């Protein structure tokens, strides 16, 4: 017998058996018997009212197999463009899915509540590039063996791995502990205003944004795809003057050493961090305004560019 393909709406579901019934509104609202859903080792049942495609082995309604759901006006893809492969795991699009964009080579997994992995053996992850772990709240890692516990919260900065361990090379930048000053601090330089000392940052300018990919389309406008937020950058000036109780030469040397080492620090201003992440110095320039006859620096303007460190 020749097979017949029809489309209808799911009207009843047996979740335990993995079957459902389909109603054909173009055939007087006739209802099929329970139809076996295609599994291929996966379990995902449709929702009541969803349109599915059904293959019948005859013109009747008895022997049939579903070939899957179909896109239509009431069931549109969450997104779509050439080179995109996406799999939804829930009845509502966008709540749990995995996607791969072959145009950018980016693979993404997303879930709106909680995700986890359980393994009786070893879990091994390797990256040829950098690895970033970003937590909006508390970050914990526990070990049942040697190693103890590692915790990072917004209120308590992370402590990187100890340096100098035999047989191990650590490329993690040193993250300085937060120091709480009257106005703020950065890289061991305190920002203060008092009758003995004046040193405050000026001209603080920030820059941020997002990384976007553009996908050209034939005969249509290009489409934009959001990738990730950029690391925030700031630039500011420090006027180092001896008459304000500041040692210009030693302060400049401290900042220059920090700029040339793998070190990051929290930029504190007004008693609060400028960002949830510490900053590294990417550029530093200095202008010697006043120097005495024996080389004693009296006044110096320093301009720094800093960037978030993750």
Protein backbone atom coordinates (compact mmCIF):
# COMPACT_ATOMS: atom_id res chain seq x y z
CA UNK A 1 0.00 0.00 0.00
CA UNK A 2 1.16 3.51 -0.73
CA UNK A 3 1.94 5.68 2.25
CA UNK A 4 0.15 8.98 2.86
CA UNK A 5 1.60 12.03 4.61
CA UNK A 6 -0.77 14.30 6.47
CA UNK A 7 -0.52 17.16 8.97
CA UNK A 8 -2.71 17.59 12.02
CA UNK A 9 -2.77 18.88 15.58
CA UNK A 10 -1.83 16.86 18.65
CA UNK A 11 -4.98 16.28 20.70
CA UNK A 12 -3.90 13.73 23.36
CA UNK A 13 -0.53 12.54 24.74
CA UNK A 14 0.56 9.41 26.61
CA UNK A 15 3.86 10.59 28.09
CA UNK A 16 4.88 7.24 29.62
CA UNK A 17 4.29 5.28 26.42
CA UNK A 18 5.70 7.95 24.13
CA UNK A 19 2.56 8.07 21.96
CA UNK A 20 -0.07 10.64 21.06
CA UNK A 21 -3.22 11.15 19.05
CA UNK A 22 -3.62 13.56 16.15
CA UNK A 23 -6.78 15.31 15.02
CA UNK A 24 -7.27 16.14 11.31
CA UNK A 25 -9.50 19.20 10.99
CA UNK A 26 -9.57 18.86 7.21
CA UNK A 27 -11.19 15.44 7.60
CA UNK A 28 -14.10 16.28 9.83
CA UNK A 29 -11.95 16.40 13.02
CA UNK A 30 -11.21 12.69 12.75
CA UNK A 31 -8.79 11.40 15.39
CA UNK A 32 -6.06 8.84 14.84
CA UNK A 33 -5.27 5.98 17.13
CA UNK A 34 -2.22 6.34 19.40
CA UNK A 35 0.76 7.04 17.17
CA UNK A 36 4.33 6.11 18.10
CA UNK A 37 6.63 9.12 18.19
CA UNK A 38 10.04 8.84 16.53
CA UNK A 39 12.67 8.67 19.26
CA UNK A 40 16.19 8.07 17.85
CA UNK A 41 17.28 7.67 21.47
CA UNK A 42 15.84 11.05 22.51
CA UNK A 43 12.72 11.89 24.49
CA UNK A 44 10.85 15.02 23.51
CA UNK A 45 7.08 15.02 23.29
CA UNK A 46 5.06 17.74 21.55
CA UNK A 47 2.51 19.94 23.29
CA UNK A 48 -1.27 19.80 22.88
CA UNK A 49 -2.31 21.72 19.79
CA UNK A 50 1.08 21.56 18.09
CA UNK A 51 1.08 20.73 14.37
CA UNK A 52 2.88 17.49 13.44
CA UNK A 53 3.51 15.58 10.26
CA UNK A 54 2.18 12.00 10.15
CA UNK A 55 3.01 9.21 7.73
CA UNK A 56 0.19 6.65 7.23
CA UNK A 57 0.85 3.27 5.64
CA UNK A 58 -2.60 3.49 4.02
CA UNK A 59 -5.38 6.01 3.52
CA UNK A 60 -6.87 5.07 6.88
CA UNK A 61 -6.08 6.43 10.33
CA UNK A 62 -4.82 3.28 12.07
CA UNK A 63 -1.24 2.41 11.16
CA UNK A 64 0.85 5.56 11.28
CA UNK A 65 4.12 7.09 12.50
CA UNK A 66 4.91 10.72 13.17
CA UNK A 67 7.79 12.23 11.28
CA UNK A 68 8.10 15.22 13.61
CA UNK A 69 6.79 18.72 14.22
CA UNK A 70 6.79 21.37 11.50
CA UNK A 71 7.49 25.10 11.42
CA UNK A 72 4.41 27.22 10.78
CA UNK A 73 2.85 30.56 11.71
CA UNK A 74 2.18 29.47 15.29
CA UNK A 75 5.47 27.58 15.68
CA UNK A 76 8.23 29.78 14.29
CA UNK A 77 11.97 29.24 14.87
CA UNK A 78 13.49 31.24 17.73
CA UNK A 79 16.10 32.46 15.22
CA UNK A 80 17.26 31.45 11.79
CA UNK A 81 19.98 32.17 9.26
CA UNK A 82 22.33 30.23 6.99
CA UNK A 83 24.86 28.24 8.97
CA UNK A 84 22.84 28.05 12.21
CA UNK A 85 22.13 24.72 13.93
CA UNK A 86 19.97 24.91 17.04
CA UNK A 87 18.24 22.37 19.29
CA UNK A 88 15.52 23.26 21.78
CA UNK A 89 15.14 21.10 24.92
CA UNK A 90 11.89 22.50 26.31
CA UNK A 91 8.33 23.10 25.21
CA UNK A 92 9.02 26.85 25.20
CA UNK A 93 11.71 28.15 22.88
CA UNK A 94 14.64 29.92 24.49
CA UNK A 95 14.46 28.32 27.96
CA UNK A 96 17.00 25.54 27.29
CA UNK A 97 18.88 25.02 24.04
CA UNK A 98 22.21 24.41 22.35
CA UNK A 99 23.29 26.22 19.20
CA UNK A 100 26.19 26.26 16.78
CA UNK A 101 26.97 29.02 14.29
CA UNK A 102 29.29 27.68 11.63
CA UNK A 103 29.90 31.24 10.39
CA UNK A 104 31.68 32.18 13.62
CA UNK A 105 32.53 28.70 14.96
CA UNK A 106 30.80 29.52 18.27
CA UNK A 107 28.96 26.75 20.14
CA UNK A 108 26.63 27.81 22.97
CA UNK A 109 24.61 25.99 25.61
CA UNK A 110 21.96 27.84 27.60
CA UNK A 111 19.50 27.01 30.38
CA UNK A 112 17.40 29.54 32.30
CA UNK A 113 17.55 27.88 35.73
CA UNK A 114 20.28 25.45 36.72
CA UNK A 115 22.64 23.08 34.95
CA UNK A 116 25.14 20.51 36.14
CA UNK A 117 27.22 17.47 35.30
CA UNK A 118 27.65 14.24 37.27
CA UNK A 119 30.45 11.84 36.46
CA UNK A 120 31.67 8.70 38.26
CA UNK A 121 35.06 9.08 36.61
CA UNK A 122 37.22 11.99 35.50
CA UNK A 123 36.04 15.22 33.87
CA UNK A 124 38.66 16.70 31.57
CA UNK A 125 38.29 20.08 29.84
CA UNK A 126 40.99 21.56 27.63
CA UNK A 127 41.12 24.88 25.79
CA UNK A 128 43.77 26.12 23.38
CA UNK A 129 42.82 29.69 24.33
CA UNK A 130 41.83 31.44 27.57
CA UNK A 131 39.13 30.16 29.93
CA UNK A 132 36.74 32.57 31.65
CA UNK A 133 34.48 31.79 34.60
CA UNK A 134 32.08 34.59 35.52
CA UNK A 135 29.70 34.32 38.48
CA UNK A 136 26.95 36.79 39.29
CA UNK A 137 26.94 35.54 42.90
CA UNK A 138 29.05 33.19 44.97
CA UNK A 139 31.55 30.92 43.23
CA UNK A 140 32.54 27.69 45.01
CA UNK A 141 34.75 24.77 44.12
CA UNK A 142 35.00 21.87 46.61
CA UNK A 143 37.37 18.93 46.59
CA UNK A 144 37.07 15.67 48.51
CA UNK A 145 40.82 15.20 48.33
CA UNK A 146 43.82 17.45 48.89
CA UNK A 147 43.16 21.02 47.86
CA UNK A 148 40.41 22.17 50.18
CA UNK A 149 37.93 24.82 49.08
CA UNK A 150 38.06 27.89 46.89
CA UNK A 151 35.47 30.65 47.18
CA UNK A 152 34.94 33.94 45.34
CA UNK A 153 32.14 36.43 45.97
CA UNK A 154 31.56 40.05 44.98
CA UNK A 155 32.50 41.08 48.52
CA UNK A 156 35.60 38.89 48.73
CA UNK A 157 38.13 38.99 45.88
CA UNK A 158 39.57 35.82 44.40
CA UNK A 159 42.90 34.49 45.58
CA UNK A 160 44.83 32.96 42.66
CA UNK A 161 46.93 29.81 42.86
CA UNK A 162 50.11 30.09 44.89
CA UNK A 163 53.20 30.88 42.84
CA UNK A 164 56.49 29.11 42.91
CA UNK A 165 55.19 25.56 43.26
CA UNK A 166 57.81 23.05 42.10
CA UNK A 167 57.25 21.76 38.59
CA UNK A 168 54.39 24.16 37.93
CA UNK A 169 54.28 27.37 35.95
CA UNK A 170 51.43 29.70 36.82
CA UNK A 171 50.33 32.32 34.26
CA UNK A 172 47.59 33.74 36.51
CA UNK A 173 48.09 37.40 37.33
CA UNK A 174 48.47 38.30 40.98
CA UNK A 175 45.30 39.92 42.26
CA UNK A 176 45.94 42.37 45.05
CA UNK A 177 43.68 42.42 48.10
CA UNK A 178 41.26 45.29 48.32
CA UNK A 179 42.46 48.12 50.52
CA UNK A 180 39.84 50.49 51.89
CA UNK A 181 40.89 54.15 51.93
CA UNK A 182 39.03 57.39 52.53
CA UNK A 183 38.46 58.05 48.81
CA UNK A 184 39.88 55.00 47.10
CA UNK A 185 43.02 53.26 45.89
CA UNK A 186 44.61 51.41 43.00
CA UNK A 187 47.89 49.49 42.75
CA UNK A 188 48.89 50.53 46.25
CA UNK A 189 48.39 54.24 45.51
CA UNK A 190 45.79 55.73 47.85
CA UNK A 191 43.48 58.56 46.77
CA UNK A 192 43.18 61.00 49.65
CA UNK A 193 42.33 64.60 50.43
CA UNK A 194 43.62 65.93 53.73
CA UNK A 195 45.60 68.78 55.20
CA UNK A 196 48.78 66.74 54.67
CA UNK A 197 48.20 65.02 51.34
CA UNK A 198 46.16 65.53 48.18
CA UNK A 199 46.02 62.90 45.42
CA UNK A 200 42.87 62.14 43.43
CA UNK A 201 42.26 60.77 39.91
CA UNK A 202 40.88 63.22 37.35
CA UNK A 203 39.34 62.92 33.90
CA UNK A 204 38.12 59.37 34.50
CA UNK A 205 36.68 58.10 31.20
CA UNK A 206 35.19 54.66 30.59
CA UNK A 207 34.59 52.61 27.48
CA UNK A 208 32.59 49.40 27.05
CA UNK A 209 30.16 47.75 24.67
CA UNK A 210 29.65 44.37 23.05
CA UNK A 211 31.18 42.17 20.38
CA UNK A 212 28.90 41.69 17.37
CA UNK A 213 29.14 39.49 14.30
CA UNK A 214 27.63 40.50 10.96
CA UNK A 215 26.20 37.89 8.60
CA UNK A 216 25.77 39.04 5.00
CA UNK A 217 22.73 37.81 3.09
CA UNK A 218 22.11 37.79 -0.64
CA UNK A 219 19.48 40.34 -1.62
CA UNK A 220 18.75 41.37 1.95
CA UNK A 221 20.18 43.42 4.77
CA UNK A 222 22.94 41.86 6.80
CA UNK A 223 21.95 40.31 10.11
CA UNK A 224 23.64 41.06 13.42
CA UNK A 225 24.49 38.52 16.11
CA UNK A 226 25.48 39.42 19.66
CA UNK A 227 28.60 37.55 20.80
CA UNK A 228 29.66 38.79 24.25
CA UNK A 229 30.28 41.97 26.28
CA UNK A 230 33.66 43.64 25.86
CA UNK A 231 36.10 44.17 28.70
CA UNK A 232 35.57 47.65 30.10
CA UNK A 233 38.43 50.14 29.81
CA UNK A 234 39.10 53.34 31.72
CA UNK A 235 41.65 56.11 31.42
CA UNK A 236 42.46 58.76 34.00
CA UNK A 237 45.14 61.23 35.07
CA UNK A 238 47.10 61.59 38.29
CA UNK A 239 48.85 64.85 39.13
CA UNK A 240 51.79 64.02 41.39
CA UNK A 241 53.01 67.14 43.21
CA UNK A 242 55.49 67.32 46.05
CA UNK A 243 53.73 70.37 47.47
CA UNK A 244 50.62 68.18 47.96
CA UNK A 245 52.51 65.75 50.17
CA UNK A 246 53.14 63.21 47.38
CA UNK A 247 56.52 61.78 46.39
CA UNK A 248 56.23 62.03 42.57
CA UNK A 249 59.26 59.86 41.71
CA UNK A 250 58.45 56.92 44.01
CA UNK A 251 54.72 56.96 43.08
CA UNK A 252 55.59 56.97 39.37
CA UNK A 253 57.99 54.05 39.83
CA UNK A 254 55.34 52.06 41.71
CA UNK A 255 52.85 52.50 38.86
CA UNK A 256 55.45 51.73 36.19
CA UNK A 257 56.39 48.47 37.91
CA UNK A 258 52.73 47.48 38.14
CA UNK A 259 52.24 48.22 34.44
CA UNK A 260 55.15 45.96 33.48
CA UNK A 261 54.16 42.98 35.62
CA UNK A 262 51.35 40.41 35.56
CA UNK A 263 49.41 42.04 38.37
CA UNK A 264 45.82 43.24 38.69
CA UNK A 265 44.11 45.25 41.40
CA UNK A 266 40.65 46.49 42.38
CA UNK A 267 40.05 50.13 41.48
CA UNK A 268 38.31 51.52 44.56
CA UNK A 269 36.59 54.88 44.39
CA UNK A 270 34.23 56.24 47.02
CA UNK A 271 34.61 53.06 49.07
CA UNK A 272 33.27 50.82 46.27
CA UNK A 273 34.94 48.96 43.39
CA UNK A 274 34.63 50.53 39.95
CA UNK A 275 33.80 47.10 38.50
CA UNK A 276 32.99 43.57 39.74
CA UNK A 277 36.44 42.64 38.38
CA UNK A 278 39.97 43.89 39.09
CA UNK A 279 41.91 45.93 36.53
CA UNK A 280 45.28 45.55 34.84
CA UNK A 281 47.33 48.47 33.49
CA UNK A 282 47.61 48.34 29.69
CA UNK A 283 49.25 51.74 29.07
CA UNK A 284 51.03 54.36 31.15
CA UNK A 285 52.53 57.69 30.13
CA UNK A 286 54.22 60.36 32.22
CA UNK A 287 54.95 64.06 31.72
CA UNK A 288 57.65 65.58 33.93
CA UNK A 289 56.43 69.11 34.54
CA UNK A 290 58.90 70.39 37.15
CA UNK A 291 62.37 68.95 37.89
CA UNK A 292 64.97 70.59 40.10
CA UNK A 293 68.63 71.04 39.16
CA UNK A 294 69.72 67.76 40.76
CA UNK A 295 66.97 65.70 39.14
CA UNK A 296 64.50 65.85 41.99
CA UNK A 297 60.99 65.56 40.54
CA UNK A 298 58.61 68.15 41.93
CA UNK A 299 55.59 67.69 39.68
CA UNK A 300 54.58 64.96 37.23
CA UNK A 301 51.39 64.15 35.35
CA UNK A 302 50.69 60.43 34.84
CA UNK A 303 48.05 59.07 32.46
CA UNK A 304 46.94 55.45 32.87
CA UNK A 305 44.75 53.16 30.79
CA UNK A 306 43.33 50.19 32.67
CA UNK A 307 41.24 47.22 31.53
CA UNK A 308 39.16 44.63 33.36
CA UNK A 309 41.00 41.43 34.26
CA UNK A 310 39.10 38.15 34.20
